[in-house]
């Protein structure tokens, strides 16, 4: 393969890898935003159910039991969503590191290809200089 072709391929690969890095980050942010939206929707629905249950309460004991049940459910939902968000956020740096390691390696290959192209371009000049 011609050194110039190697250089062009390396440059194209670097751009592709950079775009892949942004794509990975964007995908993860969308998943995080979706989880937060689900969490908000669940919270809203649980609050609406709480109000309906409290309207039907007949005594202080009923009110305390309803609120206790609501707090327990709210905590469990929050804990499960937070754990899921933690898992998503935990994998994101690993994916980004993998992507940027590929970018670094392709940049290194591009630099090597550029060095080869420059070296091969200089060799004819040396031959021409020896003829004088």
N, C-alpha and C. Protein backbone atom coordinates (compact mmCIF):
# COMPACT_ATOMS: atom_id res chain seq x y z
N UNK A 1 0.85 -1.18 0.00
CA UNK A 1 0.00 0.00 0.00
C UNK A 1 0.89 1.24 0.00
N UNK A 2 0.53 2.20 -0.81
CA UNK A 2 1.26 3.46 -0.92
C UNK A 2 1.22 4.21 0.42
N UNK A 3 2.32 4.82 0.85
CA UNK A 3 2.33 5.54 2.12
C UNK A 3 1.28 6.65 2.19
N UNK A 4 1.01 7.29 1.06
CA UNK A 4 -0.01 8.34 1.05
C UNK A 4 -1.38 7.73 1.32
N UNK A 5 -1.64 6.54 0.77
CA UNK A 5 -2.91 5.85 1.04
C UNK A 5 -3.01 5.47 2.51
N UNK A 6 -1.88 5.02 3.08
CA UNK A 6 -1.86 4.69 4.50
C UNK A 6 -2.22 5.91 5.34
N UNK A 7 -1.66 7.05 4.97
CA UNK A 7 -1.91 8.29 5.68
C UNK A 7 -3.38 8.68 5.58
N UNK A 8 -3.95 8.58 4.38
CA UNK A 8 -5.36 8.92 4.20
C UNK A 8 -6.27 7.96 4.96
N UNK A 9 -5.94 6.68 4.94
CA UNK A 9 -6.74 5.69 5.68
C UNK A 9 -6.67 5.95 7.18
N UNK A 10 -5.48 6.28 7.65
CA UNK A 10 -5.32 6.55 9.08
C UNK A 10 -6.11 7.79 9.48
N UNK A 11 -6.09 8.82 8.64
CA UNK A 11 -6.84 10.04 8.94
C UNK A 11 -8.34 9.76 8.94
N UNK A 12 -8.79 8.99 7.95
CA UNK A 12 -10.21 8.64 7.89
C UNK A 12 -10.61 7.82 9.11
N UNK A 13 -9.76 6.88 9.48
CA UNK A 13 -10.03 6.05 10.65
C UNK A 13 -10.08 6.88 11.93
N UNK A 14 -9.23 7.89 12.02
CA UNK A 14 -9.22 8.76 13.20
C UNK A 14 -10.52 9.53 13.30
N UNK A 15 -10.99 10.04 12.18
CA UNK A 15 -12.26 10.78 12.17
C UNK A 15 -13.40 9.84 12.54
N UNK A 16 -13.40 8.63 11.97
CA UNK A 16 -14.44 7.65 12.29
C UNK A 16 -14.44 7.31 13.77
N UNK A 17 -13.26 7.14 14.35
CA UNK A 17 -13.16 6.80 15.76
C UNK A 17 -13.64 7.96 16.63
N UNK A 18 -13.29 9.19 16.26
CA UNK A 18 -13.74 10.35 17.02
C UNK A 18 -15.27 10.45 16.99
N UNK A 19 -15.85 10.24 15.81
CA UNK A 19 -17.30 10.27 15.69
C UNK A 19 -17.92 9.14 16.52
N UNK A 20 -17.28 7.98 16.51
CA UNK A 20 -17.77 6.86 17.32
C UNK A 20 -17.74 7.21 18.79
N UNK A 21 -16.71 7.94 19.23
CA UNK A 21 -16.64 8.38 20.62
C UNK A 21 -17.78 9.29 20.99
N UNK A 22 -18.09 10.23 20.12
CA UNK A 22 -19.22 11.13 20.37
C UNK A 22 -20.53 10.35 20.33
N UNK A 23 -20.63 9.39 19.42
CA UNK A 23 -21.84 8.58 19.32
C UNK A 23 -22.05 7.77 20.60
N UNK A 24 -20.97 7.20 21.13
CA UNK A 24 -21.05 6.43 22.37
C UNK A 24 -21.52 7.32 23.52
N UNK A 25 -20.94 8.51 23.62
CA UNK A 25 -21.32 9.43 24.69
C UNK A 25 -22.77 9.86 24.53
N UNK A 26 -23.18 10.16 23.32
CA UNK A 26 -24.55 10.60 23.07
C UNK A 26 -25.54 9.49 23.41
N UNK A 27 -25.22 8.27 23.01
CA UNK A 27 -26.11 7.13 23.30
C UNK A 27 -26.28 6.95 24.81
N UNK A 28 -25.17 7.03 25.53
CA UNK A 28 -25.24 6.88 26.98
C UNK A 28 -26.02 8.01 27.63
N UNK A 29 -25.85 9.22 27.14
CA UNK A 29 -26.60 10.36 27.69
C UNK A 29 -28.10 10.20 27.43
N UNK A 30 -28.44 9.65 26.27
CA UNK A 30 -29.85 9.41 25.97
C UNK A 30 -30.44 8.37 26.91
N UNK A 31 -29.67 7.33 27.20
CA UNK A 31 -30.14 6.29 28.13
C UNK A 31 -30.32 6.90 29.52
N UNK A 32 -29.37 7.72 29.94
CA UNK A 32 -29.46 8.36 31.26
C UNK A 32 -30.68 9.28 31.31
N UNK A 33 -30.87 10.08 30.27
CA UNK A 33 -32.03 10.98 30.23
C UNK A 33 -33.34 10.19 30.25
N UNK A 34 -33.37 9.06 29.55
CA UNK A 34 -34.56 8.20 29.56
C UNK A 34 -34.85 7.65 30.94
N UNK A 35 -33.81 7.23 31.64
CA UNK A 35 -33.99 6.70 33.00
C UNK A 35 -34.50 7.79 33.95
N UNK A 36 -33.95 8.99 33.81
CA UNK A 36 -34.40 10.09 34.66
C UNK A 36 -35.85 10.44 34.35
N UNK A 37 -36.23 10.40 33.08
CA UNK A 37 -37.62 10.66 32.70
C UNK A 37 -38.56 9.61 33.29
N UNK A 38 -38.14 8.33 33.23
CA UNK A 38 -38.95 7.26 33.83
C UNK A 38 -39.09 7.46 35.33
N UNK A 39 -37.98 7.86 35.95
CA UNK A 39 -37.99 8.08 37.39
C UNK A 39 -38.97 9.21 37.74
N UNK A 40 -38.96 10.27 36.97
CA UNK A 40 -39.87 11.39 37.20
C UNK A 40 -41.32 10.98 37.00
N UNK A 41 -41.57 10.20 35.95
CA UNK A 41 -42.93 9.74 35.68
C UNK A 41 -43.44 8.84 36.80
N UNK A 42 -42.61 7.92 37.24
CA UNK A 42 -43.00 7.04 38.35
C UNK A 42 -43.29 7.85 39.62
N UNK A 43 -42.46 8.84 39.88
CA UNK A 43 -42.65 9.67 41.05
C UNK A 43 -43.98 10.42 40.97
N UNK A 44 -44.28 10.95 39.80
CA UNK A 44 -45.54 11.66 39.60
C UNK A 44 -46.74 10.73 39.82
N UNK A 45 -46.68 9.55 39.22
CA UNK A 45 -47.79 8.60 39.35
C UNK A 45 -47.96 8.16 40.80
N UNK A 46 -46.86 7.88 41.48
CA UNK A 46 -46.95 7.48 42.89
C UNK A 46 -47.51 8.61 43.74
N UNK A 47 -47.17 9.84 43.45
CA UNK A 47 -47.71 10.98 44.20
C UNK A 47 -49.20 11.13 43.97
N UNK A 48 -49.63 10.93 42.73
CA UNK A 48 -51.05 11.01 42.41
C UNK A 48 -51.83 9.91 43.15
N UNK A 49 -51.25 8.71 43.18
CA UNK A 49 -51.89 7.62 43.92
C UNK A 49 -51.96 7.92 45.41
N UNK A 50 -50.91 8.54 45.94
CA UNK A 50 -50.88 8.91 47.35
C UNK A 50 -52.03 9.85 47.68
N UNK A 51 -52.23 10.85 46.84
CA UNK A 51 -53.30 11.82 47.10
C UNK A 51 -54.66 11.14 47.08
N UNK A 52 -54.87 10.24 46.12
CA UNK A 52 -56.14 9.52 46.06
C UNK A 52 -56.36 8.66 47.31
N UNK A 53 -55.30 8.00 47.74
CA UNK A 53 -55.43 7.16 48.95
C UNK A 53 -55.68 8.02 50.18
N UNK A 54 -55.01 9.16 50.26
CA UNK A 54 -55.20 10.03 51.43
C UNK A 54 -56.61 10.61 51.47
N UNK A 55 -57.22 10.84 50.32
CA UNK A 55 -58.61 11.32 50.28
C UNK A 55 -59.57 10.31 50.90
N UNK A 56 -59.24 9.04 50.74
CA UNK A 56 -60.11 7.99 51.26
C UNK A 56 -59.80 7.58 52.69
N UNK A 57 -58.77 8.19 53.31
CA UNK A 57 -58.39 7.82 54.68
C UNK A 57 -59.48 8.24 55.66
N UNK A 58 -59.73 7.37 56.63
CA UNK A 58 -60.80 7.64 57.59
C UNK A 58 -60.27 7.99 58.99
N UNK A 59 -58.96 7.72 59.20
CA UNK A 59 -58.40 8.02 60.53
C UNK A 59 -56.93 8.40 60.38
N UNK A 60 -56.36 8.88 61.52
CA UNK A 60 -54.94 9.21 61.53
C UNK A 60 -54.08 7.98 61.28
N UNK A 61 -54.52 6.85 61.77
CA UNK A 61 -53.77 5.61 61.56
C UNK A 61 -53.71 5.26 60.07
N UNK A 62 -54.83 5.48 59.37
CA UNK A 62 -54.85 5.22 57.92
C UNK A 62 -53.87 6.15 57.19
N UNK A 63 -53.88 7.42 57.61
CA UNK A 63 -52.99 8.40 56.98
C UNK A 63 -51.53 8.01 57.19
N UNK A 64 -51.18 7.63 58.41
CA UNK A 64 -49.81 7.24 58.71
C UNK A 64 -49.43 5.99 57.92
N UNK A 65 -50.33 5.02 57.84
CA UNK A 65 -50.05 3.79 57.10
C UNK A 65 -49.88 4.08 55.61
N UNK A 66 -50.71 4.96 55.07
CA UNK A 66 -50.62 5.31 53.64
C UNK A 66 -49.30 6.02 53.37
N UNK A 67 -48.96 6.98 54.20
CA UNK A 67 -47.71 7.72 54.00
C UNK A 67 -46.48 6.82 54.18
N UNK A 68 -46.54 5.92 55.14
CA UNK A 68 -45.44 4.99 55.35
C UNK A 68 -45.25 4.10 54.12
N UNK A 69 -46.35 3.58 53.60
CA UNK A 69 -46.29 2.76 52.40
C UNK A 69 -45.75 3.54 51.21
N UNK A 70 -46.17 4.80 51.10
CA UNK A 70 -45.69 5.64 50.01
C UNK A 70 -44.19 5.86 50.12
N UNK A 71 -43.71 6.18 51.31
CA UNK A 71 -42.28 6.43 51.50
C UNK A 71 -41.46 5.17 51.20
N UNK A 72 -41.97 4.02 51.62
CA UNK A 72 -41.27 2.76 51.35
C UNK A 72 -41.17 2.51 49.85
N UNK A 73 -42.28 2.68 49.14
CA UNK A 73 -42.29 2.48 47.69
C UNK A 73 -41.40 3.51 46.99
N UNK A 74 -41.47 4.75 47.42
CA UNK A 74 -40.65 5.81 46.81
C UNK A 74 -39.17 5.50 47.00
N UNK A 75 -38.79 5.05 48.19
CA UNK A 75 -37.39 4.73 48.46
C UNK A 75 -36.93 3.55 47.60
N UNK A 76 -37.74 2.50 47.52
CA UNK A 76 -37.38 1.33 46.72
C UNK A 76 -37.21 1.70 45.24
N UNK A 77 -38.14 2.52 44.72
CA UNK A 77 -38.04 2.95 43.33
C UNK A 77 -36.79 3.79 43.10
N UNK A 78 -36.53 4.71 44.04
CA UNK A 78 -35.36 5.56 43.92
C UNK A 78 -34.08 4.73 43.96
N UNK A 79 -34.02 3.77 44.88
CA UNK A 79 -32.82 2.94 45.02
C UNK A 79 -32.57 2.11 43.75
N UNK A 80 -33.62 1.54 43.19
CA UNK A 80 -33.44 0.71 41.99
C UNK A 80 -33.03 1.57 40.79
N UNK A 81 -33.65 2.73 40.64
CA UNK A 81 -33.29 3.62 39.51
C UNK A 81 -31.87 4.16 39.68
N UNK A 82 -31.51 4.51 40.90
CA UNK A 82 -30.17 5.02 41.15
C UNK A 82 -29.12 3.95 40.86
N UNK A 83 -29.41 2.72 41.24
CA UNK A 83 -28.49 1.62 40.95
C UNK A 83 -28.33 1.45 39.44
N UNK A 84 -29.43 1.51 38.72
CA UNK A 84 -29.38 1.36 37.27
C UNK A 84 -28.58 2.50 36.63
N UNK A 85 -28.81 3.74 37.10
CA UNK A 85 -28.04 4.88 36.60
C UNK A 85 -26.55 4.71 36.91
N UNK A 86 -26.25 4.20 38.10
CA UNK A 86 -24.86 3.96 38.48
C UNK A 86 -24.19 2.96 37.55
N UNK A 87 -24.91 1.91 37.18
CA UNK A 87 -24.36 0.92 36.26
C UNK A 87 -24.10 1.53 34.89
N UNK A 88 -25.05 2.34 34.42
CA UNK A 88 -24.88 2.99 33.11
C UNK A 88 -23.68 3.93 33.15
N UNK A 89 -23.60 4.73 34.20
CA UNK A 89 -22.50 5.69 34.32
C UNK A 89 -21.17 4.98 34.56
N UNK A 90 -21.20 3.79 35.13
CA UNK A 90 -19.98 3.03 35.35
C UNK A 90 -19.41 2.46 34.06
N UNK A 91 -20.27 2.10 33.13
CA UNK A 91 -19.79 1.55 31.86
C UNK A 91 -19.38 2.63 30.87
N UNK A 92 -19.92 3.83 31.04
CA UNK A 92 -19.63 4.90 30.09
C UNK A 92 -18.14 5.23 30.00
N UNK A 93 -17.42 5.41 31.11
CA UNK A 93 -15.98 5.71 30.99
C UNK A 93 -15.19 4.57 30.32
N UNK A 94 -15.60 3.32 30.57
CA UNK A 94 -14.92 2.20 29.95
C UNK A 94 -15.09 2.24 28.43
N UNK A 95 -16.32 2.52 27.99
CA UNK A 95 -16.57 2.59 26.55
C UNK A 95 -15.81 3.76 25.93
N UNK A 96 -15.80 4.89 26.62
CA UNK A 96 -15.09 6.06 26.11
C UNK A 96 -13.58 5.78 26.05
N UNK A 97 -13.04 5.14 27.08
CA UNK A 97 -11.61 4.83 27.10
C UNK A 97 -11.25 3.89 25.96
N UNK A 98 -12.08 2.90 25.70
CA UNK A 98 -11.83 1.97 24.61
C UNK A 98 -11.83 2.72 23.27
N UNK A 99 -12.80 3.61 23.09
CA UNK A 99 -12.89 4.36 21.85
C UNK A 99 -11.67 5.26 21.65
N UNK A 100 -11.26 5.95 22.72
CA UNK A 100 -10.14 6.87 22.57
C UNK A 100 -8.80 6.15 22.52
N UNK A 101 -8.73 4.93 23.04
CA UNK A 101 -7.52 4.13 22.84
C UNK A 101 -7.38 3.77 21.37
N UNK A 102 -8.50 3.43 20.75
CA UNK A 102 -8.48 3.16 19.31
C UNK A 102 -8.06 4.40 18.54
N UNK A 103 -8.58 5.55 18.95
CA UNK A 103 -8.21 6.81 18.29
C UNK A 103 -6.72 7.07 18.41
N UNK A 104 -6.17 6.86 19.60
CA UNK A 104 -4.74 7.06 19.81
C UNK A 104 -3.93 6.13 18.91
N UNK A 105 -4.31 4.85 18.87
CA UNK A 105 -3.58 3.88 18.04
C UNK A 105 -3.66 4.24 16.56
N UNK A 106 -4.82 4.70 16.12
CA UNK A 106 -4.93 5.08 14.71
C UNK A 106 -4.12 6.35 14.43
N UNK A 107 -4.08 7.26 15.38
CA UNK A 107 -3.25 8.45 15.22
C UNK A 107 -1.78 8.09 15.14
N UNK A 108 -1.38 7.12 15.93
CA UNK A 108 0.00 6.65 15.91
C UNK A 108 0.33 6.04 14.54
N UNK A 109 -0.60 5.23 14.02
CA UNK A 109 -0.40 4.64 12.70
C UNK A 109 -0.34 5.72 11.63
N UNK A 110 -1.16 6.75 11.76
CA UNK A 110 -1.15 7.86 10.81
C UNK A 110 0.17 8.61 10.84
N UNK A 111 0.69 8.80 12.04
CA UNK A 111 1.99 9.48 12.16
C UNK A 111 3.09 8.64 11.54
N UNK A 112 3.03 7.33 11.75
CA UNK A 112 4.03 6.44 11.14
C UNK A 112 3.91 6.48 9.61
N UNK A 113 2.68 6.49 9.12
CA UNK A 113 2.47 6.54 7.67
C UNK A 113 2.98 7.87 7.11
N UNK A 114 2.75 8.95 7.84
CA UNK A 114 3.24 10.26 7.38
C UNK A 114 4.76 10.27 7.37
N UNK A 115 5.38 9.65 8.35
CA UNK A 115 6.84 9.55 8.40
C UNK A 115 7.38 8.77 7.23
N UNK A 116 6.71 7.65 6.92
CA UNK A 116 7.14 6.84 5.77
C UNK A 116 6.99 7.62 4.47
N UNK A 117 5.86 8.34 4.34
CA UNK A 117 5.62 9.11 3.11
C UNK A 117 6.67 10.21 2.97
N UNK A 118 6.99 10.87 4.06
CA UNK A 118 8.01 11.93 4.01
C UNK A 118 9.37 11.34 3.69
N UNK A 119 9.66 10.18 4.26
CA UNK A 119 10.96 9.54 4.03
C UNK A 119 11.08 9.11 2.57
N UNK A 120 10.02 8.51 2.04
CA UNK A 120 10.07 8.07 0.65
C UNK A 120 10.10 9.24 -0.32
N UNK A 121 9.45 10.34 0.07
CA UNK A 121 9.48 11.54 -0.78
C UNK A 121 10.85 12.17 -0.79
N UNK A 122 11.62 12.02 0.26
CA UNK A 122 12.95 12.63 0.35
C UNK A 122 14.01 11.79 -0.35
N UNK A 123 13.79 10.48 -0.49
CA UNK A 123 14.79 9.60 -1.09
C UNK A 123 15.12 9.96 -2.54
N UNK A 124 14.15 10.30 -3.40
CA UNK A 124 14.51 10.68 -4.77
C UNK A 124 15.37 11.94 -4.78
N UNK A 125 15.14 12.86 -3.88
CA UNK A 125 15.95 14.08 -3.81
C UNK A 125 17.40 13.75 -3.50
N UNK A 126 17.64 12.79 -2.65
CA UNK A 126 19.01 12.39 -2.30
C UNK A 126 19.71 11.79 -3.53
N UNK A 127 18.96 10.99 -4.31
CA UNK A 127 19.54 10.38 -5.50
C UNK A 127 19.89 11.45 -6.52
N UNK A 128 18.97 12.45 -6.65
CA UNK A 128 19.21 13.53 -7.59
C UNK A 128 20.40 14.37 -7.14
N UNK A 129 20.57 14.55 -5.86
CA UNK A 129 21.68 15.36 -5.33
C UNK A 129 23.01 14.66 -5.60
N UNK A 130 23.07 13.35 -5.60
CA UNK A 130 24.29 12.61 -5.84
C UNK A 130 24.73 12.66 -7.31
N UNK A 131 23.83 12.96 -8.24
CA UNK A 131 24.14 13.01 -9.66
C UNK A 131 24.86 14.31 -10.05
N UNK A 132 24.77 15.31 -9.26
CA UNK A 132 25.35 16.62 -9.59
C UNK A 132 26.83 16.64 -9.53
